[in-house]
Amino acid sequence: MNKIVKIVLIIAAVLVVAFFGLKTFTKSKSPAETAKFDQNGLTVQVDYCRPYKKGREIFGKLLPYGEVWRTGANEATIFDVKQDIKVGDKTLKAGKYTLWTIPNADKWTIILNGETGQWGTNYDEKRDVLRVDVPVGKAAETLEQFKVDFAAAEGGADMILRWDNTEVKVPIRL
């Protein structure tokens, strides 16, 4: 019996080390980042990982149009808002959500989903809390690494998603 317990403990230790090793390796390829906005009563934070372009054609190729994207890399991107807001024309209650998108050439569908804590490829459409379409713009310059940022706007902020030559502004209002 003692031998079985030792074997189980060794296997568990190896799995834990492998898990943390894989996590460290993936973070080195797409580092973690936090984008925050905290002004005029609006507090929003996005925790995500930043993949690189590496000479690849991103939208329409690496990320096919019309398919759900985890909006970053590694774990699912977390969208945390401290008060009820409007995203586009839809209301969202304060809370933590995962951020997903469906890129297209002319518009993106922004999705906030109630499931959190999952790896970035585990998406369950049944858990969607909000979907809103926003237009696609052209970035002023080619961006090598995916970036989430915020810009103050009347009544709130715009969450800006940029990568390659693409820029998407998501209106967030109180």
C-alpha atoms as a PDB file:
ATOM      1  CA  MET A   1       0.000   0.000   0.000  1.00  0.00           C
ATOM      2  CA  ASN A   2       2.869   2.356   0.843  1.00  0.00           C
ATOM      3  CA  LYS A   3       4.337   1.826  -2.619  1.00  0.00           C
ATOM      4  CA  ILE A   4       1.039   2.816  -4.319  1.00  0.00           C
ATOM      5  CA  VAL A   5       0.787   6.030  -2.258  1.00  0.00           C
ATOM      6  CA  LYS A   6       4.375   6.965  -3.220  1.00  0.00           C
ATOM      7  CA  ILE A   7       3.668   6.345  -6.916  1.00  0.00           C
ATOM      8  CA  VAL A   8       0.475   8.429  -6.787  1.00  0.00           C
ATOM      9  CA  LEU A   9       2.326  11.267  -5.019  1.00  0.00           C
ATOM     10  CA  ILE A  10       5.149  11.182  -7.585  1.00  0.00           C
ATOM     11  CA  ILE A  11       2.678  11.262 -10.481  1.00  0.00           C
ATOM     12  CA  ALA A  12       0.799  14.163  -8.861  1.00  0.00           C
ATOM     13  CA  ALA A  13       4.045  16.100  -8.337  1.00  0.00           C
ATOM     14  CA  VAL A  14       5.109  15.539 -11.958  1.00  0.00           C
ATOM     15  CA  LEU A  15       1.709  16.739 -13.203  1.00  0.00           C
ATOM     16  CA  VAL A  16       1.849  19.878 -11.048  1.00  0.00           C
ATOM     17  CA  VAL A  17       5.363  20.711 -12.277  1.00  0.00           C
ATOM     18  CA  ALA A  18       4.325  20.055 -15.896  1.00  0.00           C
ATOM     19  CA  PHE A  19       1.248  22.278 -15.528  1.00  0.00           C
ATOM     20  CA  PHE A  20       3.244  25.218 -14.145  1.00  0.00           C
ATOM     21  CA  GLY A  21       5.997  24.657 -16.712  1.00  0.00           C
ATOM     22  CA  LEU A  22       3.477  24.770 -19.571  1.00  0.00           C
ATOM     23  CA  LYS A  23       1.820  27.864 -18.103  1.00  0.00           C
ATOM     24  CA  THR A  24       5.192  29.638 -17.807  1.00  0.00           C
ATOM     25  CA  PHE A  25       6.144  28.635 -21.361  1.00  0.00           C
ATOM     26  CA  THR A  26       2.869  29.903 -22.896  1.00  0.00           C
ATOM     27  CA  LYS A  27       3.094  33.180 -20.941  1.00  0.00           C
ATOM     28  CA  SER A  28       6.583  33.743 -22.362  1.00  0.00           C
ATOM     29  CA  LYS A  29       5.132  33.510 -25.895  1.00  0.00           C
ATOM     30  CA  SER A  30       2.031  35.641 -25.152  1.00  0.00           C
ATOM     31  CA  PRO A  31       2.662  37.627 -21.960  1.00  0.00           C
ATOM     32  CA  ALA A  32      -0.106  38.545 -19.542  1.00  0.00           C
ATOM     33  CA  GLU A  33      -1.301  42.149 -19.417  1.00  0.00           C
ATOM     34  CA  THR A  34      -3.944  44.190 -17.595  1.00  0.00           C
ATOM     35  CA  ALA A  35      -5.811  47.153 -19.083  1.00  0.00           C
ATOM     36  CA  LYS A  36      -7.614  49.390 -16.581  1.00  0.00           C
ATOM     37  CA  PHE A  37      -9.972  52.335 -16.727  1.00  0.00           C
ATOM     38  CA  ASP A  38     -11.058  54.156 -13.567  1.00  0.00           C
ATOM     39  CA  GLN A  39     -12.558  57.610 -14.138  1.00  0.00           C
ATOM     40  CA  ASN A  40     -15.801  59.441 -13.392  1.00  0.00           C
ATOM     41  CA  GLY A  41     -17.411  56.482 -11.622  1.00  0.00           C
ATOM     42  CA  LEU A  42     -16.534  53.900 -14.286  1.00  0.00           C
ATOM     43  CA  THR A  43     -14.149  51.124 -13.227  1.00  0.00           C
ATOM     44  CA  VAL A  44     -13.279  48.424 -15.778  1.00  0.00           C
ATOM     45  CA  GLN A  45     -10.377  45.984 -15.901  1.00  0.00           C
ATOM     46  CA  VAL A  46      -9.421  43.524 -18.627  1.00  0.00           C
ATOM     47  CA  ASP A  47      -6.914  40.732 -17.885  1.00  0.00           C
ATOM     48  CA  TYR A  48      -5.619  39.085 -21.057  1.00  0.00           C
ATOM     49  CA  CYS A  49      -2.566  37.664 -22.819  1.00  0.00           C
ATOM     50  CA  ARG A  50      -0.905  39.394 -25.781  1.00  0.00           C
ATOM     51  CA  PRO A  51      -0.088  37.169 -28.778  1.00  0.00           C
ATOM     52  CA  TYR A  52       2.387  38.337 -31.440  1.00  0.00           C
ATOM     53  CA  LYS A  53       1.791  38.732 -35.169  1.00  0.00           C
ATOM     54  CA  LYS A  54       5.166  37.133 -36.144  1.00  0.00           C
ATOM     55  CA  GLY A  55       4.714  37.910 -39.844  1.00  0.00           C
ATOM     56  CA  ARG A  56       1.387  36.067 -40.044  1.00  0.00           C
ATOM     57  CA  GLU A  57      -1.797  37.318 -41.659  1.00  0.00           C
ATOM     58  CA  ILE A  58      -4.070  37.642 -38.628  1.00  0.00           C
ATOM     59  CA  PHE A  59      -7.710  38.443 -39.435  1.00  0.00           C
ATOM     60  CA  GLY A  60      -9.325  36.216 -42.027  1.00  0.00           C
ATOM     61  CA  LYS A  61      -6.408  33.735 -41.897  1.00  0.00           C
ATOM     62  CA  LEU A  62      -4.958  32.898 -38.453  1.00  0.00           C
ATOM     63  CA  LEU A  63      -8.288  34.019 -36.961  1.00  0.00           C
ATOM     64  CA  PRO A  64     -10.926  33.067 -39.535  1.00  0.00           C
ATOM     65  CA  TYR A  65     -13.785  35.471 -40.056  1.00  0.00           C
ATOM     66  CA  GLY A  66     -17.084  34.421 -38.522  1.00  0.00           C
ATOM     67  CA  GLU A  67     -15.551  32.220 -35.798  1.00  0.00           C
ATOM     68  CA  VAL A  68     -15.398  32.844 -32.041  1.00  0.00           C
ATOM     69  CA  TRP A  69     -11.992  34.068 -30.830  1.00  0.00           C
ATOM     70  CA  ARG A  70     -10.846  34.115 -27.210  1.00  0.00           C
ATOM     71  CA  THR A  71      -9.671  37.729 -27.751  1.00  0.00           C
ATOM     72  CA  GLY A  72      -6.110  37.181 -26.644  1.00  0.00           C
ATOM     73  CA  ALA A  73      -4.143  34.031 -25.900  1.00  0.00           C
ATOM     74  CA  ASN A  74      -3.848  31.357 -23.189  1.00  0.00           C
ATOM     75  CA  GLU A  75      -6.615  31.618 -20.554  1.00  0.00           C
ATOM     76  CA  ALA A  76      -9.915  33.230 -21.449  1.00  0.00           C
ATOM     77  CA  THR A  77      -9.771  37.035 -21.253  1.00  0.00           C
ATOM     78  CA  ILE A  78     -11.450  38.454 -18.132  1.00  0.00           C
ATOM     79  CA  PHE A  79     -13.638  41.589 -18.290  1.00  0.00           C
ATOM     80  CA  ASP A  80     -14.333  42.915 -14.787  1.00  0.00           C
ATOM     81  CA  VAL A  81     -16.689  45.866 -14.264  1.00  0.00           C
ATOM     82  CA  LYS A  82     -17.533  47.346 -10.859  1.00  0.00           C
ATOM     83  CA  GLN A  83     -20.927  48.893 -11.740  1.00  0.00           C
ATOM     84  CA  ASP A  84     -23.806  48.354 -14.162  1.00  0.00           C
ATOM     85  CA  ILE A  85     -22.926  49.704 -17.603  1.00  0.00           C
ATOM     86  CA  LYS A  86     -24.070  49.815 -21.204  1.00  0.00           C
ATOM     87  CA  VAL A  87     -21.970  48.082 -23.823  1.00  0.00           C
ATOM     88  CA  GLY A  88     -23.155  49.522 -27.103  1.00  0.00           C
ATOM     89  CA  ASP A  89     -26.912  49.681 -26.612  1.00  0.00           C
ATOM     90  CA  LYS A  90     -27.132  46.747 -24.161  1.00  0.00           C
ATOM     91  CA  THR A  91     -27.088  46.746 -20.366  1.00  0.00           C
ATOM     92  CA  LEU A  92     -24.543  44.685 -18.432  1.00  0.00           C
ATOM     93  CA  LYS A  93     -24.659  44.108 -14.669  1.00  0.00           C
ATOM     94  CA  ALA A  94     -21.552  44.682 -12.564  1.00  0.00           C
ATOM     95  CA  GLY A  95     -19.420  41.541 -12.361  1.00  0.00           C
ATOM     96  CA  LYS A  96     -16.731  39.367 -13.913  1.00  0.00           C
ATOM     97  CA  TYR A  97     -17.152  37.957 -17.406  1.00  0.00           C
ATOM     98  CA  THR A  98     -15.024  36.426 -20.132  1.00  0.00           C
ATOM     99  CA  LEU A  99     -14.536  38.478 -23.286  1.00  0.00           C
ATOM    100  CA  TRP A 100     -14.923  36.756 -26.652  1.00  0.00           C
ATOM    101  CA  THR A 101     -15.252  38.187 -30.146  1.00  0.00           C
ATOM    102  CA  ILE A 102     -16.316  37.094 -33.596  1.00  0.00           C
ATOM    103  CA  PRO A 103     -14.134  39.050 -36.040  1.00  0.00           C
ATOM    104  CA  ASN A 104     -15.425  39.874 -39.522  1.00  0.00           C
ATOM    105  CA  ALA A 105     -14.041  42.215 -42.180  1.00  0.00           C
ATOM    106  CA  ASP A 106     -16.648  44.957 -41.549  1.00  0.00           C
ATOM    107  CA  LYS A 107     -17.815  44.340 -37.962  1.00  0.00           C
ATOM    108  CA  TRP A 108     -16.978  42.389 -34.833  1.00  0.00           C
ATOM    109  CA  THR A 109     -19.434  40.768 -32.479  1.00  0.00           C
ATOM    110  CA  ILE A 110     -18.386  41.484 -28.899  1.00  0.00           C
ATOM    111  CA  ILE A 111     -19.447  38.726 -26.481  1.00  0.00           C
ATOM    112  CA  LEU A 112     -19.446  38.820 -22.700  1.00  0.00           C
ATOM    113  CA  ASN A 113     -19.921  35.377 -21.208  1.00  0.00           C
ATOM    114  CA  GLY A 114     -20.810  34.428 -17.622  1.00  0.00           C
ATOM    115  CA  GLU A 115     -18.348  31.532 -17.363  1.00  0.00           C
ATOM    116  CA  THR A 116     -14.919  32.425 -15.940  1.00  0.00           C
ATOM    117  CA  GLY A 117     -11.789  30.476 -15.010  1.00  0.00           C
ATOM    118  CA  GLN A 118     -11.610  28.341 -18.152  1.00  0.00           C
ATOM    119  CA  TRP A 119      -8.814  27.917 -20.665  1.00  0.00           C
ATOM    120  CA  GLY A 120      -9.253  30.258 -23.610  1.00  0.00           C
ATOM    121  CA  THR A 121     -10.626  27.684 -26.026  1.00  0.00           C
ATOM    122  CA  ASN A 122     -13.454  26.452 -23.776  1.00  0.00           C
ATOM    123  CA  TYR A 123     -16.337  28.639 -24.914  1.00  0.00           C
ATOM    124  CA  ASP A 124     -19.968  27.845 -24.084  1.00  0.00           C
ATOM    125  CA  GLU A 125     -22.394  29.982 -26.094  1.00  0.00           C
ATOM    126  CA  LYS A 126     -25.217  29.087 -23.678  1.00  0.00           C
ATOM    127  CA  ARG A 127     -23.442  31.170 -21.012  1.00  0.00           C
ATOM    128  CA  ASP A 128     -23.436  34.377 -23.116  1.00  0.00           C
ATOM    129  CA  VAL A 129     -24.742  37.365 -21.181  1.00  0.00           C
ATOM    130  CA  LEU A 130     -24.359  40.021 -23.892  1.00  0.00           C
ATOM    131  CA  ARG A 131     -23.623  40.283 -27.610  1.00  0.00           C
ATOM    132  CA  VAL A 132     -23.200  43.541 -29.493  1.00  0.00           C
ATOM    133  CA  ASP A 133     -21.851  44.351 -32.962  1.00  0.00           C
ATOM    134  CA  VAL A 134     -19.293  47.130 -33.460  1.00  0.00           C
ATOM    135  CA  PRO A 135     -17.683  48.428 -36.669  1.00  0.00           C
ATOM    136  CA  VAL A 136     -14.086  47.653 -37.615  1.00  0.00           C
ATOM    137  CA  GLY A 137     -11.593  50.441 -38.200  1.00  0.00           C
ATOM    138  CA  LYS A 138      -8.101  50.614 -39.603  1.00  0.00           C
ATOM    139  CA  ALA A 139      -5.286  51.129 -37.092  1.00  0.00           C
ATOM    140  CA  ALA A 140      -2.976  54.098 -37.628  1.00  0.00           C
ATOM    141  CA  GLU A 141      -0.014  51.705 -37.667  1.00  0.00           C
ATOM    142  CA  THR A 142       0.575  47.965 -37.778  1.00  0.00           C
ATOM    143  CA  LEU A 143       0.677  46.573 -34.251  1.00  0.00           C
ATOM    144  CA  GLU A 144       2.906  43.501 -33.756  1.00  0.00           C
ATOM    145  CA  GLN A 145       1.318  42.467 -30.477  1.00  0.00           C
ATOM    146  CA  PHE A 146      -2.396  42.351 -29.598  1.00  0.00           C
ATOM    147  CA  LYS A 147      -3.413  45.186 -27.245  1.00  0.00           C
ATOM    148  CA  VAL A 148      -6.458  46.163 -25.189  1.00  0.00           C
ATOM    149  CA  ASP A 149      -6.670  49.796 -24.134  1.00  0.00           C
ATOM    150  CA  PHE A 150      -9.218  52.356 -22.961  1.00  0.00           C
ATOM    151  CA  ALA A 151      -9.899  55.938 -24.025  1.00  0.00           C
ATOM    152  CA  ALA A 152     -12.126  58.314 -22.095  1.00  0.00           C
ATOM    153  CA  ALA A 153     -15.347  59.192 -23.901  1.00  0.00           C
ATOM    154  CA  GLU A 154     -18.423  61.219 -23.015  1.00  0.00           C
ATOM    155  CA  GLY A 155     -20.381  59.250 -20.407  1.00  0.00           C
ATOM    156  CA  GLY A 156     -17.760  56.514 -20.063  1.00  0.00           C
ATOM    157  CA  ALA A 157     -14.978  55.030 -22.177  1.00  0.00           C
ATOM    158  CA  ASP A 158     -14.203  53.177 -25.366  1.00  0.00           C
ATOM    159  CA  MET A 159     -12.449  49.840 -24.974  1.00  0.00           C
ATOM    160  CA  ILE A 160     -10.051  49.625 -27.913  1.00  0.00           C
ATOM    161  CA  LEU A 161      -8.911  46.267 -29.300  1.00  0.00           C
ATOM    162  CA  ARG A 162      -5.912  46.568 -31.666  1.00  0.00           C
ATOM    163  CA  TRP A 163      -3.816  44.088 -33.568  1.00  0.00           C
ATOM    164  CA  ASP A 164      -2.114  44.075 -36.939  1.00  0.00           C
ATOM    165  CA  ASN A 165      -3.883  46.791 -39.001  1.00  0.00           C
ATOM    166  CA  THR A 166      -7.229  46.404 -37.213  1.00  0.00           C
ATOM    167  CA  GLU A 167      -8.794  48.561 -34.531  1.00  0.00           C
ATOM    168  CA  VAL A 168     -12.163  47.990 -32.875  1.00  0.00           C
ATOM    169  CA  LYS A 169     -13.757  50.460 -30.451  1.00  0.00           C
ATOM    170  CA  VAL A 170     -16.322  49.118 -27.996  1.00  0.00           C
ATOM    171  CA  PRO A 171     -18.434  51.871 -26.350  1.00  0.00           C
ATOM    172  CA  ILE A 172     -18.819  51.434 -22.588  1.00  0.00           C
ATOM    173  CA  ARG A 173     -21.126  53.935 -20.891  1.00  0.00           C
ATOM    174  CA  LEU A 174     -22.584  54.427 -17.438  1.00  0.00           C
END
